[in-house]
Amino acid sequence: FCEGRNEKPSMECLSVLFDDYLHLFNEQMRSLNSTD
């Protein structure tokens, strides 16, 4: 994935990968009531 972005494995590529999973995490948290 990082090579496909023409990047060597780096913090920039790691940040992009984290953002994808962070989106999933945020969806999971929003599926709960805020009191939960």
Full PDB file with SEQRES, HELIX, SHEET, SSBOND, CRYST1, ORIGX, SCALE, CONECT and MASTER records, all heavy atoms in Angstrom:
SEQRES   1 A   36  PHE CYS GLU GLY ARG ASN GLU LYS PRO SER MET GLU CYS          
SEQRES   2 A   36  LEU SER VAL LEU PHE ASP ASP TYR LEU HIS LEU PHE ASN          
SEQRES   3 A   36  GLU GLN MET ARG SER LEU ASN SER THR ASP                      
HELIX    1 AA1 GLU A    3  ARG A    5  5                                   3    
HELIX    2 AA2 MET A   11  ARG A   30  1                                  20    
SSBOND   1 CYS A    2    CYS A   13                          1555   1555  1.88  
CRYST1    1.000    1.000    1.000  90.00  90.00  90.00 P 1           1          
ORIGX1      1.000000  0.000000  0.000000        0.00000                         
ORIGX2      0.000000  1.000000  0.000000        0.00000                         
ORIGX3      0.000000  0.000000  1.000000        0.00000                         
SCALE1      1.000000  0.000000  0.000000        0.00000                         
SCALE2      0.000000  1.000000  0.000000        0.00000                         
SCALE3      0.000000  0.000000  1.000000        0.00000                         
ATOM      1  N   PHE A   1       0.838  -1.198   0.000  1.00  0.00           N  
ATOM      2  CA  PHE A   1       0.000   0.000   0.000  1.00  0.00           C  
ATOM      3  C   PHE A   1       0.874   1.248   0.000  1.00  0.00           C  
ATOM      4  O   PHE A   1       0.641   2.183  -0.766  1.00  0.00           O  
ATOM      5  CB  PHE A   1      -0.935   0.007   1.210  1.00  0.00           C  
ATOM      6  CG  PHE A   1      -1.737   1.268   1.354  1.00  0.00           C  
ATOM      7  CD1 PHE A   1      -2.894   1.455   0.613  1.00  0.00           C  
ATOM      8  CD2 PHE A   1      -1.326   2.274   2.219  1.00  0.00           C  
ATOM      9  CE1 PHE A   1      -3.632   2.631   0.737  1.00  0.00           C  
ATOM     10  CE2 PHE A   1      -2.052   3.449   2.347  1.00  0.00           C  
ATOM     11  CZ  PHE A   1      -3.209   3.625   1.599  1.00  0.00           C  
ATOM     12  N   CYS A   2       1.877   1.260   0.864  1.00  0.00           N  
ATOM     13  CA  CYS A   2       2.769   2.427   0.940  1.00  0.00           C  
ATOM     14  C   CYS A   2       3.562   2.596  -0.356  1.00  0.00           C  
ATOM     15  O   CYS A   2       3.733   3.715  -0.835  1.00  0.00           O  
ATOM     16  CB  CYS A   2       3.714   2.282   2.127  1.00  0.00           C  
ATOM     17  SG  CYS A   2       2.888   2.430   3.714  1.00  0.00           S  
ATOM     18  N   GLU A   3       4.033   1.483  -0.899  1.00  0.00           N  
ATOM     19  CA  GLU A   3       4.782   1.560  -2.154  1.00  0.00           C  
ATOM     20  C   GLU A   3       3.882   2.043  -3.288  1.00  0.00           C  
ATOM     21  O   GLU A   3       4.332   2.773  -4.170  1.00  0.00           O  
ATOM     22  CB  GLU A   3       5.379   0.199  -2.494  1.00  0.00           C  
ATOM     23  CG  GLU A   3       6.505  -0.202  -1.578  1.00  0.00           C  
ATOM     24  CD  GLU A   3       6.933  -1.652  -1.756  1.00  0.00           C  
ATOM     25  OE1 GLU A   3       6.389  -2.345  -2.647  1.00  0.00           O  
ATOM     26  OE2 GLU A   3       7.808  -2.090  -0.988  1.00  0.00           O  
ATOM     27  N   GLY A   4       2.607   1.646  -3.270  1.00  0.00           N  
ATOM     28  CA  GLY A   4       1.648   2.092  -4.281  1.00  0.00           C  
ATOM     29  C   GLY A   4       1.404   3.592  -4.220  1.00  0.00           C  
ATOM     30  O   GLY A   4       0.994   4.204  -5.204  1.00  0.00           O  
ATOM     31  N   ARG A   5       1.646   4.172  -3.071  1.00  0.00           N  
ATOM     32  CA  ARG A   5       1.515   5.624  -2.911  1.00  0.00           C  
ATOM     33  C   ARG A   5       2.828   6.327  -3.235  1.00  0.00           C  
ATOM     34  O   ARG A   5       2.991   7.503  -2.970  1.00  0.00           O  
ATOM     35  CB  ARG A   5       1.095   5.966  -1.481  1.00  0.00           C  
ATOM     36  CG  ARG A   5      -0.291   5.469  -1.119  1.00  0.00           C  
ATOM     37  CD  ARG A   5      -0.633   5.767   0.331  1.00  0.00           C  
ATOM     38  NE  ARG A   5      -0.326   7.116   0.762  1.00  0.00           N  
ATOM     39  CZ  ARG A   5      -1.101   8.199   0.562  1.00  0.00           C  
ATOM     40  NH1 ARG A   5      -2.237   8.059  -0.068  1.00  0.00           N  
ATOM     41  NH2 ARG A   5      -0.740   9.379   1.004  1.00  0.00           N  
ATOM     42  N   ASN A   6       3.787   5.565  -3.777  1.00  0.00           N  
ATOM     43  CA  ASN A   6       5.129   6.073  -4.099  1.00  0.00           C  
ATOM     44  C   ASN A   6       5.817   6.639  -2.869  1.00  0.00           C  
ATOM     45  O   ASN A   6       6.460   7.681  -2.920  1.00  0.00           O  
ATOM     46  CB  ASN A   6       5.074   7.116  -5.216  1.00  0.00           C  
ATOM     47  CG  ASN A   6       4.651   6.504  -6.532  1.00  0.00           C  
ATOM     48  OD1 ASN A   6       5.006   5.357  -6.836  1.00  0.00           O  
ATOM     49  ND2 ASN A   6       3.874   7.240  -7.310  1.00  0.00           N  
ATOM     50  N   GLU A   7       5.608   5.981  -1.751  1.00  0.00           N  
ATOM     51  CA  GLU A   7       6.260   6.373  -0.502  1.00  0.00           C  
ATOM     52  C   GLU A   7       6.965   5.155   0.059  1.00  0.00           C  
ATOM     53  O   GLU A   7       6.463   4.045  -0.037  1.00  0.00           O  
ATOM     54  CB  GLU A   7       5.236   6.827   0.541  1.00  0.00           C  
ATOM     55  CG  GLU A   7       4.453   8.042   0.182  1.00  0.00           C  
ATOM     56  CD  GLU A   7       3.429   8.380   1.264  1.00  0.00           C  
ATOM     57  OE1 GLU A   7       3.349   7.676   2.273  1.00  0.00           O  
ATOM     58  OE2 GLU A   7       2.703   9.361   1.070  1.00  0.00           O  
ATOM     59  N   LYS A   8       8.111   5.381   0.633  1.00  0.00           N  
ATOM     60  CA  LYS A   8       8.675   4.295   1.416  1.00  0.00           C  
ATOM     61  C   LYS A   8       7.885   4.260   2.717  1.00  0.00           C  
ATOM     62  O   LYS A   8       7.227   5.250   3.071  1.00  0.00           O  
ATOM     63  CB  LYS A   8      10.161   4.511   1.664  1.00  0.00           C  
ATOM     64  CG  LYS A   8      10.478   5.717   2.528  1.00  0.00           C  
ATOM     65  CD  LYS A   8      11.951   5.826   2.775  1.00  0.00           C  
ATOM     66  CE  LYS A   8      12.177   6.985   3.746  1.00  0.00           C  
ATOM     67  NZ  LYS A   8      13.511   7.087   4.185  1.00  0.00           N  
ATOM     68  N   PRO A   9       7.872   3.144   3.413  1.00  0.00           N  
ATOM     69  CA  PRO A   9       7.148   3.107   4.689  1.00  0.00           C  
ATOM     70  C   PRO A   9       7.603   4.246   5.595  1.00  0.00           C  
ATOM     71  O   PRO A   9       8.788   4.380   5.883  1.00  0.00           O  
ATOM     72  CB  PRO A   9       7.519   1.740   5.259  1.00  0.00           C  
ATOM     73  CG  PRO A   9       7.797   0.919   4.047  1.00  0.00           C  
ATOM     74  CD  PRO A   9       8.455   1.868   3.074  1.00  0.00           C  
ATOM     75  N   SER A  10       6.655   5.096   5.974  1.00  0.00           N  
ATOM     76  CA  SER A  10       6.995   6.285   6.736  1.00  0.00           C  
ATOM     77  C   SER A  10       5.810   6.699   7.592  1.00  0.00           C  
ATOM     78  O   SER A  10       4.740   6.110   7.537  1.00  0.00           O  
ATOM     79  CB  SER A  10       7.353   7.419   5.783  1.00  0.00           C  
ATOM     80  OG  SER A  10       6.226   7.750   5.012  1.00  0.00           O  
ATOM     81  N   MET A  11       6.032   7.745   8.360  1.00  0.00           N  
ATOM     82  CA  MET A  11       4.965   8.277   9.205  1.00  0.00           C  
ATOM     83  C   MET A  11       3.801   8.800   8.356  1.00  0.00           C  
ATOM     84  O   MET A  11       2.657   8.716   8.771  1.00  0.00           O  
ATOM     85  CB  MET A  11       5.500   9.395  10.105  1.00  0.00           C  
ATOM     86  CG  MET A  11       6.472   8.921  11.159  1.00  0.00           C  
ATOM     87  SD  MET A  11       5.715   7.850  12.373  1.00  0.00           S  
ATOM     88  CE  MET A  11       5.086   9.054  13.519  1.00  0.00           C  
ATOM     89  N   GLU A  12       4.092   9.336   7.162  1.00  0.00           N  
ATOM     90  CA  GLU A  12       3.027   9.841   6.307  1.00  0.00           C  
ATOM     91  C   GLU A  12       2.104   8.704   5.873  1.00  0.00           C  
ATOM     92  O   GLU A  12       0.882   8.826   5.901  1.00  0.00           O  
ATOM     93  CB  GLU A  12       3.595  10.564   5.081  1.00  0.00           C  
ATOM     94  CG  GLU A  12       4.279  11.868   5.401  1.00  0.00           C  
ATOM     95  CD  GLU A  12       5.708  11.692   5.924  1.00  0.00           C  
ATOM     96  OE1 GLU A  12       6.331  10.630   5.676  1.00  0.00           O  
ATOM     97  OE2 GLU A  12       6.179  12.602   6.615  1.00  0.00           O  
ATOM     98  N   CYS A  13       2.706   7.596   5.449  1.00  0.00           N  
ATOM     99  CA  CYS A  13       1.901   6.446   5.038  1.00  0.00           C  
ATOM    100  C   CYS A  13       1.164   5.866   6.245  1.00  0.00           C  
ATOM    101  O   CYS A  13      -0.008   5.494   6.137  1.00  0.00           O  
ATOM    102  CB  CYS A  13       2.800   5.389   4.405  1.00  0.00           C  
ATOM    103  SG  CYS A  13       1.869   4.007   3.730  1.00  0.00           S  
ATOM    104  N   LEU A  14       1.837   5.808   7.375  1.00  0.00           N  
ATOM    105  CA  LEU A  14       1.209   5.311   8.599  1.00  0.00           C  
ATOM    106  C   LEU A  14       0.004   6.169   8.965  1.00  0.00           C  
ATOM    107  O   LEU A  14      -1.044   5.654   9.354  1.00  0.00           O  
ATOM    108  CB  LEU A  14       2.232   5.299   9.741  1.00  0.00           C  
ATOM    109  CG  LEU A  14       1.819   4.642  11.039  1.00  0.00           C  
ATOM    110  CD1 LEU A  14       1.562   3.151  10.829  1.00  0.00           C  
ATOM    111  CD2 LEU A  14       2.909   4.829  12.092  1.00  0.00           C  
ATOM    112  N   SER A  15       0.120   7.467   8.792  1.00  0.00           N  
ATOM    113  CA  SER A  15      -0.974   8.383   9.090  1.00  0.00           C  
ATOM    114  C   SER A  15      -2.187   8.097   8.208  1.00  0.00           C  
ATOM    115  O   SER A  15      -3.328   8.092   8.683  1.00  0.00           O  
ATOM    116  CB  SER A  15      -0.511   9.826   8.897  1.00  0.00           C  
ATOM    117  OG  SER A  15      -1.571  10.714   9.095  1.00  0.00           O  
ATOM    118  N   VAL A  16      -1.959   7.832   6.925  1.00  0.00           N  
ATOM    119  CA  VAL A  16      -3.060   7.513   6.010  1.00  0.00           C  
ATOM    120  C   VAL A  16      -3.739   6.217   6.439  1.00  0.00           C  
ATOM    121  O   VAL A  16      -4.971   6.122   6.465  1.00  0.00           O  
ATOM    122  CB  VAL A  16      -2.536   7.400   4.564  1.00  0.00           C  
ATOM    123  CG1 VAL A  16      -3.605   6.847   3.640  1.00  0.00           C  
ATOM    124  CG2 VAL A  16      -2.056   8.752   4.067  1.00  0.00           C  
ATOM    125  N   LEU A  17      -2.947   5.217   6.806  1.00  0.00           N  
ATOM    126  CA  LEU A  17      -3.501   3.937   7.240  1.00  0.00           C  
ATOM    127  C   LEU A  17      -4.289   4.094   8.538  1.00  0.00           C  
ATOM    128  O   LEU A  17      -5.353   3.498   8.695  1.00  0.00           O  
ATOM    129  CB  LEU A  17      -2.380   2.915   7.414  1.00  0.00           C  
ATOM    130  CG  LEU A  17      -1.714   2.457   6.123  1.00  0.00           C  
ATOM    131  CD1 LEU A  17      -0.395   1.749   6.423  1.00  0.00           C  
ATOM    132  CD2 LEU A  17      -2.641   1.564   5.327  1.00  0.00           C  
ATOM    133  N   PHE A  18      -3.777   4.890   9.452  1.00  0.00           N  
ATOM    134  CA  PHE A  18      -4.484   5.136  10.712  1.00  0.00           C  
ATOM    135  C   PHE A  18      -5.811   5.840  10.462  1.00  0.00           C  
ATOM    136  O   PHE A  18      -6.810   5.547  11.113  1.00  0.00           O  
ATOM    137  CB  PHE A  18      -3.639   5.975  11.664  1.00  0.00           C  
ATOM    138  CG  PHE A  18      -2.533   5.236  12.352  1.00  0.00           C  
ATOM    139  CD1 PHE A  18      -1.619   5.934  13.122  1.00  0.00           C  
ATOM    140  CD2 PHE A  18      -2.387   3.861  12.251  1.00  0.00           C  
ATOM    141  CE1 PHE A  18      -0.597   5.277  13.771  1.00  0.00           C  
ATOM    142  CE2 PHE A  18      -1.361   3.192  12.893  1.00  0.00           C  
ATOM    143  CZ  PHE A  18      -0.459   3.905  13.660  1.00  0.00           C  
ATOM    144  N   ASP A  19      -5.819   6.789   9.537  1.00  0.00           N  
ATOM    145  CA  ASP A  19      -7.044   7.546   9.258  1.00  0.00           C  
ATOM    146  C   ASP A  19      -8.178   6.629   8.804  1.00  0.00           C  
ATOM    147  O   ASP A  19      -9.333   6.824   9.196  1.00  0.00           O  
ATOM    148  CB  ASP A  19      -6.787   8.623   8.206  1.00  0.00           C  
ATOM    149  CG  ASP A  19      -6.023   9.813   8.761  1.00  0.00           C  
ATOM    150  OD1 ASP A  19      -5.944   9.940  10.004  1.00  0.00           O  
ATOM    151  OD2 ASP A  19      -5.489  10.599   7.955  1.00  0.00           O  
ATOM    152  N   ASP A  20      -7.845   5.632   7.992  1.00  0.00           N  
ATOM    153  CA  ASP A  20      -8.881   4.693   7.538  1.00  0.00           C  
ATOM    154  C   ASP A  20      -9.487   3.943   8.710  1.00  0.00           C  
ATOM    155  O   ASP A  20     -10.712   3.819   8.809  1.00  0.00           O  
ATOM    156  CB  ASP A  20      -8.303   3.690   6.531  1.00  0.00           C  
ATOM    157  CG  ASP A  20      -8.015   4.323   5.180  1.00  0.00           C  
ATOM    158  OD1 ASP A  20      -8.585   5.395   4.897  1.00  0.00           O  
ATOM    159  OD2 ASP A  20      -7.229   3.734   4.412  1.00  0.00           O  
ATOM    160  N   TYR A  21      -8.644   3.439   9.588  1.00  0.00           N  
ATOM    161  CA  TYR A  21      -9.161   2.670  10.716  1.00  0.00           C  
ATOM    162  C   TYR A  21      -9.812   3.577  11.758  1.00  0.00           C  
ATOM    163  O   TYR A  21     -10.760   3.181  12.420  1.00  0.00           O  
ATOM    164  CB  TYR A  21      -8.060   1.823  11.357  1.00  0.00           C  
ATOM    165  CG  TYR A  21      -8.603   0.657  12.139  1.00  0.00           C  
ATOM    166  CD1 TYR A  21      -8.970  -0.512  11.499  1.00  0.00           C  
ATOM    167  CD2 TYR A  21      -8.800   0.745  13.511  1.00  0.00           C  
ATOM    168  CE1 TYR A  21      -9.495  -1.584  12.207  1.00  0.00           C  
ATOM    169  CE2 TYR A  21      -9.323  -0.320  14.230  1.00  0.00           C  
ATOM    170  CZ  TYR A  21      -9.670  -1.480  13.573  1.00  0.00           C  
ATOM    171  OH  TYR A  21     -10.196  -2.527  14.269  1.00  0.00           O  
ATOM    172  N   LEU A  22      -9.307   4.802  11.882  1.00  0.00           N  
ATOM    173  CA  LEU A  22      -9.905   5.767  12.803  1.00  0.00           C  
ATOM    174  C   LEU A  22     -11.343   6.068  12.387  1.00  0.00           C  
ATOM    175  O   LEU A  22     -12.221   6.223  13.235  1.00  0.00           O  
ATOM    176  CB  LEU A  22      -9.078   7.045  12.851  1.00  0.00           C  
ATOM    177  CG  LEU A  22      -9.553   8.125  13.804  1.00  0.00           C  
ATOM    178  CD1 LEU A  22      -9.533   7.628  15.241  1.00  0.00           C  
ATOM    179  CD2 LEU A  22      -8.685   9.365  13.663  1.00  0.00           C  
ATOM    180  N   HIS A  23     -11.583   6.113  11.087  1.00  0.00           N  
ATOM    181  CA  HIS A  23     -12.942   6.320  10.592  1.00  0.00           C  
ATOM    182  C   HIS A  23     -13.857   5.188  11.063  1.00  0.00           C  
ATOM    183  O   HIS A  23     -14.969   5.431  11.531  1.00  0.00           O  
ATOM    184  CB  HIS A  23     -12.929   6.413   9.062  1.00  0.00           C  
ATOM    185  CG  HIS A  23     -14.271   6.657   8.460  1.00  0.00           C  
ATOM    186  ND1 HIS A  23     -14.936   7.857   8.569  1.00  0.00           N  
ATOM    187  CD2 HIS A  23     -15.090   5.834   7.767  1.00  0.00           C  
ATOM    188  CE1 HIS A  23     -16.102   7.763   7.966  1.00  0.00           C  
ATOM    189  NE2 HIS A  23     -16.230   6.549   7.467  1.00  0.00           N  
ATOM    190  N   LEU A  24     -13.376   3.949  10.993  1.00  0.00           N  
ATOM    191  CA  LEU A  24     -14.146   2.801  11.478  1.00  0.00           C  
ATOM    192  C   LEU A  24     -14.372   2.893  12.987  1.00  0.00           C  
ATOM    193  O   LEU A  24     -15.484   2.664  13.470  1.00  0.00           O  
ATOM    194  CB  LEU A  24     -13.427   1.494  11.140  1.00  0.00           C  
ATOM    195  CG  LEU A  24     -14.037   0.218  11.714  1.00  0.00           C  
ATOM    196  CD1 LEU A  24     -15.422  -0.024  11.138  1.00  0.00           C  
ATOM    197  CD2 LEU A  24     -13.122  -0.966  11.454  1.00  0.00           C  
ATOM    198  N   PHE A  25     -13.330   3.261  13.721  1.00  0.00           N  
ATOM    199  CA  PHE A  25     -13.451   3.415  15.172  1.00  0.00           C  
ATOM    200  C   PHE A  25     -14.510   4.467  15.507  1.00  0.00           C  
ATOM    201  O   PHE A  25     -15.347   4.258  16.387  1.00  0.00           O  
ATOM    202  CB  PHE A  25     -12.103   3.793  15.787  1.00  0.00           C  
ATOM    203  CG  PHE A  25     -12.166   4.060  17.260  1.00  0.00           C  
ATOM    204  CD1 PHE A  25     -12.149   3.016  18.178  1.00  0.00           C  
ATOM    205  CD2 PHE A  25     -12.238   5.359  17.752  1.00  0.00           C  
ATOM    206  CE1 PHE A  25     -12.218   3.252  19.536  1.00  0.00           C  
ATOM    207  CE2 PHE A  25     -12.303   5.610  19.112  1.00  0.00           C  
ATOM    208  CZ  PHE A  25     -12.288   4.551  20.008  1.00  0.00           C  
ATOM    209  N   ASN A  26     -14.472   5.592  14.817  1.00  0.00           N  
ATOM    210  CA  ASN A  26     -15.457   6.654  15.061  1.00  0.00           C  
ATOM    211  C   ASN A  26     -16.877   6.174  14.772  1.00  0.00           C  
ATOM    212  O   ASN A  26     -17.806   6.502  15.513  1.00  0.00           O  
ATOM    213  CB  ASN A  26     -15.132   7.886  14.221  1.00  0.00           C  
ATOM    214  CG  ASN A  26     -13.934   8.638  14.754  1.00  0.00           C  
ATOM    215  OD1 ASN A  26     -13.645   8.620  15.943  1.00  0.00           O  
ATOM    216  ND2 ASN A  26     -13.203   9.276  13.858  1.00  0.00           N  
ATOM    217  N   GLU A  27     -17.051   5.392  13.713  1.00  0.00           N  
ATOM    218  CA  GLU A  27     -18.376   4.843  13.411  1.00  0.00           C  
ATOM    219  C   GLU A  27     -18.842   3.898  14.517  1.00  0.00           C  
ATOM    220  O   GLU A  27     -20.009   3.927  14.914  1.00  0.00           O  
ATOM    221  CB  GLU A  27     -18.352   4.100  12.078  1.00  0.00           C  
ATOM    222  CG  GLU A  27     -18.321   4.996  10.873  1.00  0.00           C  
ATOM    223  CD  GLU A  27     -18.290   4.218   9.567  1.00  0.00           C  
ATOM    224  OE1 GLU A  27     -18.456   2.982   9.589  1.00  0.00           O  
ATOM    225  OE2 GLU A  27     -18.104   4.865   8.523  1.00  0.00           O  
ATOM    226  N   GLN A  28     -17.936   3.077  15.002  1.00  0.00           N  
ATOM    227  CA  GLN A  28     -18.278   2.160  16.084  1.00  0.00           C  
ATOM    228  C   GLN A  28     -18.675   2.926  17.341  1.00  0.00           C  
ATOM    229  O   GLN A  28     -19.645   2.571  18.013  1.00  0.00           O  
ATOM    230  CB  GLN A  28     -17.106   1.221  16.389  1.00  0.00           C  
ATOM    231  CG  GLN A  28     -16.831   0.219  15.299  1.00  0.00           C  
ATOM    232  CD  GLN A  28     -15.546  -0.540  15.535  1.00  0.00           C  
ATOM    233  OE1 GLN A  28     -14.580  -0.037  16.119  1.00  0.00           O  
ATOM    234  NE2 GLN A  28     -15.517  -1.782  15.060  1.00  0.00           N  
ATOM    235  N   MET A  29     -17.950   3.976  17.657  1.00  0.00           N  
ATOM    236  CA  MET A  29     -18.266   4.772  18.846  1.00  0.00           C  
ATOM    237  C   MET A  29     -19.595   5.499  18.669  1.00  0.00           C  
ATOM    238  O   MET A  29     -20.381   5.600  19.609  1.00  0.00           O  
ATOM    239  CB  MET A  29     -17.150   5.763  19.149  1.00  0.00           C  
ATOM    240  CG  MET A  29     -15.868   5.121  19.635  1.00  0.00           C  
ATOM    241  SD  MET A  29     -16.053   4.212  21.170  1.00  0.00           S  
ATOM    242  CE  MET A  29     -16.246   5.542  22.328  1.00  0.00           C  
ATOM    243  N   ARG A  30     -19.858   6.006  17.476  1.00  0.00           N  
ATOM    244  CA  ARG A  30     -21.128   6.699  17.224  1.00  0.00           C  
ATOM    245  C   ARG A  30     -22.314   5.745  17.248  1.00  0.00           C  
ATOM    246  O   ARG A  30     -23.449   6.175  17.443  1.00  0.00           O  
ATOM    247  CB  ARG A  30     -21.063   7.469  15.912  1.00  0.00           C  
ATOM    248  CG  ARG A  30     -20.299   8.779  16.026  1.00  0.00           C  
ATOM    249  CD  ARG A  30     -20.512   9.645  14.813  1.00  0.00           C  
ATOM    250  NE  ARG A  30     -19.907   9.081  13.612  1.00  0.00           N  
ATOM    251  CZ  ARG A  30     -18.700   9.382  13.155  1.00  0.00           C  
ATOM    252  NH1 ARG A  30     -17.959  10.253  13.789  1.00  0.00           N  
ATOM    253  NH2 ARG A  30     -18.241   8.818  12.060  1.00  0.00           N  
ATOM    254  N   SER A  31     -22.060   4.451  17.054  1.00  0.00           N  
ATOM    255  CA  SER A  31     -23.163   3.480  17.116  1.00  0.00           C  
ATOM    256  C   SER A  31     -23.653   3.288  18.549  1.00  0.00           C  
ATOM    257  O   SER A  31     -24.738   2.761  18.765  1.00  0.00           O  
ATOM    258  CB  SER A  31     -22.726   2.141  16.519  1.00  0.00           C  
ATOM    259  OG  SER A  31     -21.815   1.472  17.372  1.00  0.00           O  
ATOM    260  N   LEU A  32     -22.851   3.714  19.515  1.00  0.00           N  
ATOM    261  CA  LEU A  32     -23.247   3.640  20.927  1.00  0.00           C  
ATOM    262  C   LEU A  32     -23.908   4.943  21.344  1.00  0.00           C  
ATOM    263  O   LEU A  32     -23.667   5.994  20.744  1.00  0.00           O  
ATOM    264  CB  LEU A  32     -22.023   3.411  21.816  1.00  0.00           C  
ATOM    265  CG  LEU A  32     -21.219   2.139  21.611  1.00  0.00           C  
ATOM    266  CD1 LEU A  32     -19.949   2.194  22.460  1.00  0.00           C  
ATOM    267  CD2 LEU A  32     -22.037   0.921  21.983  1.00  0.00           C  
ATOM    268  N   ASN A  33     -24.698   4.894  22.394  1.00  0.00           N  
ATOM    269  CA  ASN A  33     -25.202   6.125  23.001  1.00  0.00           C  
ATOM    270  C   ASN A  33     -24.039   6.828  23.668  1.00  0.00           C  
ATOM    271  O   ASN A  33     -23.106   6.184  24.163  1.00  0.00           O  
ATOM    272  CB  ASN A  33     -26.264   5.811  24.065  1.00  0.00           C  
ATOM    273  CG  ASN A  33     -27.508   5.237  23.450  1.00  0.00           C  
ATOM    274  OD1 ASN A  33     -27.860   5.575  22.332  1.00  0.00           O  
ATOM    275  ND2 ASN A  33     -28.165   4.349  24.182  1.00  0.00           N  
ATOM    276  N   SER A  34     -24.071   8.133  23.707  1.00  0.00           N  
ATOM    277  CA  SER A  34     -22.966   8.866  24.327  1.00  0.00           C  
ATOM    278  C   SER A  34     -22.814   8.523  25.806  1.00  0.00           C  
ATOM    279  O   SER A  34     -21.721   8.636  26.361  1.00  0.00           O  
ATOM    280  CB  SER A  34     -23.147  10.376  24.144  1.00  0.00           C  
ATOM    281  OG  SER A  34     -24.341  10.799  24.747  1.00  0.00           O  
ATOM    282  N   THR A  35     -23.874   8.084  26.447  1.00  0.00           N  
ATOM    283  CA  THR A  35     -23.762   7.679  27.858  1.00  0.00           C  
ATOM    284  C   THR A  35     -22.999   6.360  27.993  1.00  0.00           C  
ATOM    285  O   THR A  35     -22.430   6.089  29.044  1.00  0.00           O  
ATOM    286  CB  THR A  35     -25.153   7.527  28.501  1.00  0.00           C  
ATOM    287  OG1 THR A  35     -25.916   6.598  27.723  1.00  0.00           O  
ATOM    288  CG2 THR A  35     -25.871   8.861  28.574  1.00  0.00           C  
ATOM    289  N   ASP A  36     -22.993   5.552  26.932  1.00  0.00           N  
ATOM    290  CA  ASP A  36     -22.264   4.281  26.961  1.00  0.00           C  
ATOM    291  C   ASP A  36     -20.773   4.448  26.716  1.00  0.00           C  
ATOM    292  O   ASP A  36     -20.006   3.505  26.887  1.00  0.00           O  
ATOM    293  CB  ASP A  36     -22.841   3.312  25.919  1.00  0.00           C  
ATOM    294  CG  ASP A  36     -24.225   2.822  26.290  1.00  0.00           C  
ATOM    295  OD1 ASP A  36     -24.571   2.876  27.490  1.00  0.00           O  
ATOM    296  OD2 ASP A  36     -24.958   2.389  25.377  1.00  0.00           O  
TER     297      ASP A  36                                                      
CONECT   17  103                                                                
CONECT  103   17                                                                
MASTER        0    0    0    2    0    0    0    6  296    1    2    3          
END                                                                             
